[in-house]
Amino acid sequence: MNIITQSTITCPVCSHQETLQMTEDSCQYFYECPQCKTLIKPKKGDCCVFCSYGDLPCPPIQKNKKILLKIDVK
């Protein structure tokens, strides 16, 4: 399983979508929608806006899932 570093965020207010590059070693806590200018924060329990509103979770979460999959397979 490869780590994917692009995710498409969908604004929960206006449904605008934008594909963004994610960093592999950190989480993005804020995102300002370029269409409606809403400042978006993660949902409770999520580490970042990609995990809450993206089509893919952030790389640190992808890495954790990859590790868990290896443990479950053994």
Protein backbone atom coordinates (compact mmCIF):
# COMPACT_ATOMS: atom_id res chain seq x y z
CA MET A 1 0.00 0.00 0.00
CA ASN A 2 1.54 3.27 -1.14
CA ILE A 3 1.04 6.54 0.72
CA ILE A 4 -1.02 8.92 -1.41
CA THR A 5 -0.25 12.61 -0.93
CA GLN A 6 -3.16 14.21 -2.78
CA SER A 7 -6.68 14.50 -1.44
CA THR A 8 -9.77 16.29 -2.71
CA ILE A 9 -11.40 18.35 0.03
CA THR A 10 -15.13 19.08 -0.20
CA CYS A 11 -16.29 22.19 1.65
CA PRO A 12 -19.13 21.25 4.03
CA VAL A 13 -20.72 24.69 3.55
CA CYS A 14 -20.79 25.22 -0.23
CA SER A 15 -19.64 21.81 -1.60
CA HIS A 16 -16.71 23.37 -3.48
CA GLN A 17 -14.02 20.76 -4.20
CA GLU A 18 -10.30 21.32 -4.43
CA THR A 19 -7.47 18.81 -4.81
CA LEU A 20 -4.56 19.61 -2.52
CA GLN A 21 -1.09 18.25 -1.85
CA MET A 22 -0.67 16.84 1.67
CA THR A 23 2.60 16.80 3.57
CA GLU A 24 3.74 13.33 4.61
CA ASP A 25 4.76 14.20 8.15
CA SER A 26 2.13 16.58 9.50
CA CYS A 27 -1.59 17.27 9.60
CA GLN A 28 -3.37 20.38 8.29
CA TYR A 29 -5.72 21.69 10.95
CA PHE A 30 -7.26 24.65 9.05
CA TYR A 31 -8.47 25.06 5.48
CA GLU A 32 -10.08 28.17 3.99
CA CYS A 33 -12.51 27.41 1.19
CA PRO A 34 -11.54 29.55 -1.81
CA GLN A 35 -15.17 29.84 -2.89
CA CYS A 36 -17.13 30.75 0.26
CA LYS A 37 -14.14 31.80 2.44
CA THR A 38 -15.28 29.58 5.35
CA LEU A 39 -12.45 28.57 7.67
CA ILE A 40 -12.87 24.83 8.13
CA LYS A 41 -11.55 22.80 11.08
CA PRO A 42 -11.55 19.01 11.53
CA LYS A 43 -14.57 17.19 12.94
CA LYS A 44 -14.29 16.09 16.56
CA GLY A 45 -12.03 13.05 16.77
CA ASP A 46 -10.24 13.70 13.46
CA CYS A 47 -6.67 14.99 13.33
CA CYS A 48 -7.01 17.23 10.28
CA VAL A 49 -9.27 18.61 7.56
CA PHE A 50 -8.20 15.86 5.13
CA CYS A 51 -9.45 13.17 7.51
CA SER A 52 -12.76 15.02 7.94
CA TYR A 53 -13.49 16.40 4.48
CA GLY A 54 -11.03 14.79 2.07
CA ASP A 55 -11.55 11.78 -0.15
CA LEU A 56 -8.40 10.27 1.42
CA PRO A 57 -7.05 10.57 4.97
CA CYS A 58 -3.74 12.33 5.67
CA PRO A 59 -0.44 10.44 5.18
CA PRO A 60 0.20 9.90 8.93
CA ILE A 61 -3.19 8.14 9.22
CA GLN A 62 -2.54 6.19 6.01
CA LYS A 63 0.80 5.03 7.50
CA ASN A 64 -0.91 3.96 10.75
CA LYS A 65 -3.51 1.96 8.82
CA LYS A 66 -0.74 0.33 6.79
CA ILE A 67 1.02 -0.73 10.01
CA LEU A 68 -2.23 -2.06 11.47
CA LEU A 69 -2.93 -4.05 8.29
CA LYS A 70 0.49 -5.71 8.57
CA ILE A 71 -0.17 -6.63 12.20
CA ASP A 72 -3.62 -8.09 11.38
CA VAL A 73 -2.23 -10.21 8.53
CA LYS A 74 0.40 -11.92 10.71
